[in-house]
Protein backbone atom coordinates (compact mmCIF):
# COMPACT_ATOMS: atom_id res chain seq x y z
CA UNK A 1 -3.02 -53.77 -77.27
CA UNK A 2 -2.99 -50.71 -75.03
CA UNK A 3 -6.19 -51.81 -73.28
CA UNK A 4 -5.61 -54.58 -70.78
CA UNK A 5 -8.47 -55.99 -68.81
CA UNK A 6 -6.15 -57.50 -66.22
CA UNK A 7 -4.49 -54.18 -65.32
CA UNK A 8 -4.90 -53.36 -61.62
CA UNK A 9 -6.04 -49.92 -60.67
CA UNK A 10 -4.14 -48.12 -57.85
CA UNK A 11 -5.63 -48.61 -54.43
CA UNK A 12 -7.78 -45.78 -53.17
CA UNK A 13 -5.86 -43.35 -50.89
CA UNK A 14 -6.41 -43.94 -47.21
CA UNK A 15 -8.64 -41.30 -45.64
CA UNK A 16 -6.22 -38.98 -43.78
CA UNK A 17 -8.78 -36.54 -42.41
CA UNK A 18 -8.57 -37.83 -38.77
CA UNK A 19 -4.77 -37.48 -38.80
CA UNK A 20 -5.03 -33.94 -40.21
CA UNK A 21 -7.59 -33.07 -37.58
CA UNK A 22 -5.30 -34.10 -34.73
CA UNK A 23 -2.34 -32.30 -36.30
CA UNK A 24 -4.38 -29.13 -36.56
CA UNK A 25 -5.69 -29.59 -33.04
CA UNK A 26 -2.14 -29.99 -31.69
CA UNK A 27 -0.91 -26.94 -33.57
CA UNK A 28 -3.87 -24.98 -32.29
CA UNK A 29 -3.16 -25.99 -28.71
CA UNK A 30 0.49 -24.99 -29.10
CA UNK A 31 -0.59 -21.64 -30.52
CA UNK A 32 -3.02 -21.06 -27.67
CA UNK A 33 -0.28 -21.92 -25.17
CA UNK A 34 2.16 -19.52 -26.81
CA UNK A 35 -0.41 -16.73 -26.91
CA UNK A 36 -1.27 -17.28 -23.26
CA UNK A 37 2.35 -17.65 -22.17
CA UNK A 38 3.83 -14.78 -24.10
CA UNK A 39 0.94 -12.39 -24.56
CA UNK A 40 -1.87 -12.86 -22.07
CA UNK A 41 0.25 -13.61 -18.99
CA UNK A 42 2.66 -10.71 -19.59
CA UNK A 43 -0.33 -8.43 -20.14
CA UNK A 44 -1.84 -9.56 -16.83
CA UNK A 45 1.52 -8.93 -15.14
CA UNK A 46 1.81 -5.48 -16.68
CA UNK A 47 -1.76 -4.58 -15.75
CA UNK A 48 -1.15 -5.67 -12.15
CA UNK A 49 2.09 -3.68 -11.98
CA UNK A 50 0.33 -0.54 -13.17
CA UNK A 51 -2.43 -1.17 -10.62
CA UNK A 52 0.24 -1.36 -7.92
CA UNK A 53 1.61 2.03 -8.96
CA UNK A 54 -1.90 3.49 -8.91
CA UNK A 55 -2.36 2.11 -5.40
CA UNK A 56 0.78 4.01 -4.35
CA UNK A 57 -0.55 7.22 -5.92
CA UNK A 58 -3.78 6.72 -3.92
CA UNK A 59 -1.86 6.17 -0.68
CA UNK A 60 -3.14 2.59 -0.45
CA UNK A 61 0.05 0.99 0.87
CA UNK A 62 -1.50 -2.38 1.56
CA UNK A 63 -3.02 -2.37 -1.92
CA UNK A 64 0.41 -1.86 -3.48
CA UNK A 65 1.57 -5.25 -2.27
CA UNK A 66 -1.73 -6.97 -3.04
CA UNK A 67 -1.46 -5.83 -6.66
CA UNK A 68 2.19 -6.77 -6.99
CA UNK A 69 1.65 -10.21 -5.45
CA UNK A 70 -1.04 -10.80 -8.05
CA UNK A 71 1.02 -9.33 -10.91
CA UNK A 72 4.06 -11.47 -10.14
CA UNK A 73 2.08 -14.68 -9.63
CA UNK A 74 2.00 -15.31 -13.38
CA UNK A 75 5.74 -16.11 -13.64
CA UNK A 76 6.38 -14.48 -16.99
CA UNK A 77 9.68 -13.87 -18.71
CA UNK A 78 9.24 -10.15 -18.14
CA UNK A 79 8.88 -10.25 -14.35
CA UNK A 80 12.25 -8.66 -13.67
CA UNK A 81 11.03 -5.21 -14.73
CA UNK A 82 7.98 -5.53 -12.49
CA UNK A 83 10.12 -6.69 -9.57
CA UNK A 84 12.47 -3.76 -10.10
CA UNK A 85 9.62 -1.25 -10.08
CA UNK A 86 8.46 -2.45 -6.65
CA UNK A 87 12.03 -2.60 -5.30
CA UNK A 88 12.67 0.97 -6.42
CA UNK A 89 9.34 2.12 -4.98
CA UNK A 90 10.17 0.67 -1.56
CA UNK A 91 13.74 2.01 -1.60
CA UNK A 92 12.69 5.50 -2.69
CA UNK A 93 9.63 5.69 -0.44
CA UNK A 94 10.18 3.54 2.68
CA UNK A 95 6.87 4.76 4.07
CA UNK A 96 5.08 2.24 1.86
CA UNK A 97 6.46 -0.34 4.29
CA UNK A 98 6.60 1.65 7.52
CA UNK A 99 3.04 2.84 6.89
CA UNK A 100 1.77 -0.72 7.27
CA UNK A 101 1.22 -2.55 10.53
CA UNK A 102 4.44 -3.93 11.99
CA UNK A 103 3.86 -7.58 11.14
CA UNK A 104 2.58 -6.89 7.65
CA UNK A 105 5.50 -4.51 7.04
CA UNK A 106 7.97 -7.23 8.01
CA UNK A 107 6.27 -9.84 5.83
CA UNK A 108 6.17 -7.54 2.82
CA UNK A 109 9.75 -6.45 3.52
CA UNK A 110 10.89 -10.06 3.28
CA UNK A 111 8.85 -10.42 0.09
CA UNK A 112 10.63 -7.47 -1.54
CA UNK A 113 14.01 -8.79 -0.38
CA UNK A 114 13.13 -12.05 -2.13
CA UNK A 115 12.37 -10.13 -5.32
CA UNK A 116 15.69 -8.28 -5.09
CA UNK A 117 17.54 -11.58 -4.62
CA UNK A 118 15.83 -12.96 -7.74
CA UNK A 119 17.12 -9.99 -9.70
CA UNK A 120 20.63 -10.63 -8.40
CA UNK A 121 20.35 -14.30 -9.36
CA UNK A 122 19.21 -13.25 -12.83
CA UNK A 123 22.41 -11.21 -13.28
CA UNK A 124 24.97 -12.08 -10.57
CA UNK A 125 27.48 -9.55 -11.92
CA UNK A 126 25.08 -6.61 -11.82
CA UNK A 127 26.33 -3.86 -9.53
CA UNK A 128 22.93 -2.17 -9.73
CA UNK A 129 21.01 -5.29 -8.66
CA UNK A 130 23.31 -5.79 -5.66
CA UNK A 131 22.96 -2.12 -4.71
CA UNK A 132 19.18 -2.34 -4.84
CA UNK A 133 19.29 -5.47 -2.69
CA UNK A 134 21.48 -3.65 -0.17
CA UNK A 135 19.04 -0.72 -0.06
CA UNK A 136 16.09 -3.05 0.49
CA UNK A 137 17.84 -4.97 3.25
CA UNK A 138 18.77 -1.70 4.96
CA UNK A 139 15.19 -0.44 4.70
CA UNK A 140 13.85 -3.67 6.20
CA UNK A 141 16.45 -3.54 9.00
CA UNK A 142 14.72 -0.37 10.24
CA UNK A 143 11.64 -2.50 10.97
CA UNK A 144 13.65 -4.40 13.58
CA UNK A 145 15.09 -1.59 15.67
CA UNK A 146 13.50 -3.24 18.70
CA UNK A 147 15.05 -6.64 17.86
CA UNK A 148 18.84 -6.33 17.95
CA UNK A 149 19.47 -9.83 16.62
CA UNK A 150 17.31 -9.45 13.52
CA UNK A 151 18.42 -5.87 12.97
CA UNK A 152 22.03 -7.06 13.01
CA UNK A 153 21.20 -9.82 10.52
CA UNK A 154 19.52 -7.56 7.98
CA UNK A 155 22.15 -4.84 8.39
CA UNK A 156 24.97 -7.33 7.94
CA UNK A 157 23.32 -8.75 4.81
CA UNK A 158 22.93 -5.20 3.49
CA UNK A 159 26.64 -4.53 3.99
CA UNK A 160 27.56 -7.77 2.21
CA UNK A 161 25.37 -6.83 -0.75
CA UNK A 162 26.73 -3.30 -1.01
CA UNK A 163 30.31 -4.58 -0.86
CA UNK A 164 29.53 -6.96 -3.74
CA UNK A 165 28.08 -4.01 -5.63
CA UNK A 166 31.27 -2.02 -5.03
CA UNK A 167 33.36 -5.01 -6.07
CA UNK A 168 31.48 -5.15 -9.36
CA UNK A 169 31.82 -1.40 -9.99
CA UNK A 170 34.30 0.22 -7.54
CA UNK A 171 34.21 3.64 -9.18
CA UNK A 172 30.44 4.07 -9.05
CA UNK A 173 29.89 6.88 -6.54
CA UNK A 174 26.17 6.34 -5.61
CA UNK A 175 26.95 2.89 -4.19
CA UNK A 176 28.90 4.55 -1.39
CA UNK A 177 25.86 6.65 -0.54
CA UNK A 178 23.98 3.40 0.10
CA UNK A 179 26.83 2.10 2.24
CA UNK A 180 26.82 5.34 4.21
CA UNK A 181 23.08 4.92 4.85
CA UNK A 182 23.72 1.44 6.25
CA UNK A 183 26.20 2.91 8.73
CA UNK A 184 23.80 5.73 9.59
CA UNK A 185 21.07 3.19 10.32
CA UNK A 186 23.49 1.61 12.79
CA UNK A 187 24.31 5.00 14.30
CA UNK A 188 27.93 4.78 13.16
CA UNK A 189 28.60 8.44 12.36
CA UNK A 190 32.33 8.10 11.76
CA UNK A 191 32.07 5.31 9.18
CA UNK A 192 29.19 7.08 7.43
CA UNK A 193 31.22 10.28 7.05
CA UNK A 194 34.38 8.40 6.10
CA UNK A 195 32.47 6.56 3.36
CA UNK A 196 31.01 9.76 1.94
CA UNK A 197 34.38 11.50 1.93
CA UNK A 198 35.81 8.60 -0.03
CA UNK A 199 32.92 8.85 -2.48
CA UNK A 200 33.69 12.55 -2.99
CA UNK A 201 37.34 11.73 -3.61
CA UNK A 202 36.30 9.50 -6.52
CA UNK A 203 34.66 12.46 -8.28
CA UNK A 204 35.17 15.87 -6.59
CA UNK A 205 32.91 17.57 -9.16
CA UNK A 206 29.92 15.34 -8.45
CA UNK A 207 27.48 17.45 -6.46
CA UNK A 208 25.53 14.64 -4.77
CA UNK A 209 28.51 13.63 -2.64
CA UNK A 210 28.56 17.04 -0.97
CA UNK A 211 24.77 17.03 -0.64
CA UNK A 212 24.86 13.68 1.16
CA UNK A 213 27.77 14.62 3.41
CA UNK A 214 26.26 17.99 4.26
CA UNK A 215 22.97 16.41 5.35
CA UNK A 216 24.82 13.94 7.57
CA UNK A 217 26.75 16.73 9.29
CA UNK A 218 23.58 18.78 9.83
CA UNK A 219 21.82 15.69 11.19
CA UNK A 220 24.59 15.41 13.77
CA UNK A 221 24.34 19.13 14.60
CA UNK A 222 27.60 20.10 12.90
CA UNK A 223 26.31 23.25 11.24
CA UNK A 224 29.59 24.59 9.86
CA UNK A 225 30.76 21.45 8.09
CA UNK A 226 27.18 20.70 7.12
CA UNK A 227 26.48 23.98 5.36
CA UNK A 228 29.97 24.21 3.89
CA UNK A 229 29.27 20.95 2.07
CA UNK A 230 25.69 21.89 1.24
CA UNK A 231 26.95 25.14 -0.22
CA UNK A 232 29.35 23.21 -2.41
CA UNK A 233 26.42 20.99 -3.42
CA UNK A 234 24.44 24.06 -4.54
CA UNK A 235 27.39 25.63 -6.36
CA UNK A 236 27.88 22.43 -8.36
CA UNK A 237 24.24 22.39 -9.41
CA UNK A 238 23.04 19.73 -7.00
CA UNK A 239 20.08 21.59 -5.54
CA UNK A 240 17.74 19.29 -7.48
CA UNK A 241 18.80 16.35 -5.31
CA UNK A 242 17.30 18.01 -2.22
CA UNK A 243 13.95 16.29 -1.81
CA UNK A 244 12.60 17.60 1.51
CA UNK A 245 10.75 20.92 1.44
CA UNK A 246 11.27 21.35 5.18
CA UNK A 247 15.02 20.82 4.84
CA UNK A 248 15.21 23.28 1.95
CA UNK A 249 13.40 25.86 4.10
CA UNK A 250 15.92 25.22 6.87
CA UNK A 251 18.73 25.85 4.39
CA UNK A 252 17.05 29.05 3.16
CA UNK A 253 16.97 30.42 6.71
CA UNK A 254 20.66 29.63 7.17
CA UNK A 255 21.78 31.32 3.94
CA UNK A 256 19.45 34.28 4.52
CA UNK A 257 21.26 34.88 7.80
CA UNK A 258 24.55 34.68 5.87
CA UNK A 259 23.14 37.13 3.26
CA UNK A 260 24.01 34.67 0.49
CA UNK A 261 21.29 35.72 -1.93
CA UNK A 262 22.60 33.58 -4.80
CA UNK A 263 22.12 30.36 -2.83
CA UNK A 264 18.78 31.56 -1.43
CA UNK A 265 17.55 32.15 -4.99
CA UNK A 266 18.52 28.64 -6.11
CA UNK A 267 16.88 27.14 -3.02
CA UNK A 268 13.64 29.06 -3.63
CA UNK A 269 13.62 27.78 -7.21
CA UNK A 270 13.91 24.26 -5.84
CA UNK A 271 11.20 24.95 -3.26
CA UNK A 272 8.69 25.80 -5.98
CA UNK A 273 9.16 22.25 -7.27
CA UNK A 274 8.64 20.73 -3.85
CA UNK A 275 5.88 23.00 -2.55
CA UNK A 276 4.64 24.78 -5.64
CA UNK A 277 1.14 25.61 -4.41
CA UNK A 278 2.30 28.13 -1.81
CA UNK A 279 1.77 31.65 -3.18
CA UNK A 280 4.17 33.16 -0.64
CA UNK A 281 7.03 31.07 -2.01
CA UNK A 282 6.38 32.43 -5.51
CA UNK A 283 6.10 35.99 -4.20
CA UNK A 284 9.44 35.69 -2.40
CA UNK A 285 10.98 34.17 -5.50
CA UNK A 286 9.68 37.09 -7.59
CA UNK A 287 11.46 39.55 -5.30
CA UNK A 288 14.68 37.53 -5.42
CA UNK A 289 14.55 37.48 -9.22
CA UNK A 290 14.00 41.23 -9.29
CA UNK A 291 16.92 41.86 -6.94
CA UNK A 292 19.10 39.68 -9.19
CA UNK A 293 18.03 41.66 -12.27
CA UNK A 294 15.95 38.85 -13.80
CA UNK A 295 12.87 40.93 -14.62
CA UNK A 296 11.10 38.45 -16.89
CA UNK A 297 11.43 35.62 -14.36
CA UNK A 298 10.28 38.03 -11.61
CA UNK A 299 7.15 38.93 -13.59
CA UNK A 300 6.30 35.25 -14.22
CA UNK A 301 6.76 34.37 -10.53
CA UNK A 302 4.53 37.28 -9.45
CA UNK A 303 1.80 36.21 -11.89
CA UNK A 304 2.02 32.66 -10.50
CA UNK A 305 1.63 33.96 -6.94
CA UNK A 306 -1.50 35.87 -7.94
CA UNK A 307 -2.92 32.81 -9.72
CA UNK A 308 -2.49 30.68 -6.59
CA UNK A 309 -3.89 33.31 -4.23
CA UNK A 310 -6.08 36.09 -5.69
CA UNK A 311 -5.43 38.23 -2.61
CA UNK A 312 -1.90 38.69 -4.01
CA UNK A 313 -3.17 40.16 -7.29
CA UNK A 314 -3.04 43.86 -6.41
CA UNK A 315 0.43 43.56 -4.90
CA UNK A 316 1.57 41.47 -7.86
CA UNK A 317 0.28 44.05 -10.35
CA UNK A 318 2.07 46.84 -8.49
CA UNK A 319 5.22 44.76 -8.37
CA UNK A 320 5.11 44.04 -12.11
CA UNK A 321 4.61 47.75 -12.88
CA UNK A 322 7.63 48.56 -10.73
CA UNK A 323 9.77 46.29 -12.88
CA UNK A 324 9.21 48.57 -15.87
């Protein structure tokens, strides 16, 4: 008989809804943590980093560090890029430190050194990280010119870092420029020049070596050696590395006196990038182009001069007609 009255039915399944609820809750919490850790926090860091760069553009030097302190307080896995952006900003534009009050500048200088050391710790074999640390230490040493003991400490640490950078990549020429700057900060002319000459020997066709050496010679009032090297810098296409409009104008005056029109032309081209709102610079460049037989470039430069200063328009029109 297939029907048995004594057959036991299976027990009802235990209600698992509470267990499922806690499993879902735990998974949800993990998801929220991951989103916060790997999306929200990095976004806050990135937003703060951008705000720091905007503060620099606005000339708010104190604000730069406020924004970066906030950005890097989140401790994300992407902090190295943010740290590097501040390190590079300070090394390229030391005025963001020197433009602060002395005590604040020193505090923020130590903060940036700490960031550079974190980058070195992240990749101990990185020549670039050690070089950036050396630059930062050298920049901060300038804040202690009136304190020989602390200046010596920071300068010594900078030299150690740059030597480690060289050890990691001995053929990398720009590292020696940093080492030369450390010696210049100490006032050691001979070692600075010796270092730059060695850098040039590593790559005689690299224009920046001559640019750096020429500026050092001119700084120490050695005009002949200075402009010989600066001339080599220009001939090798290194005029773009000249970043001071005043220094470029000084070079223009020197080569004008030497009647070296080719170098003067290249320097005026560079000057339009550094001080491009001066109509006189464009007008002079137009004449140099015309003298060199570059009529189309001369016409464009004359038009630019007239755009910047309408009082140049009549002269520019006459000049352009003369080109035909």
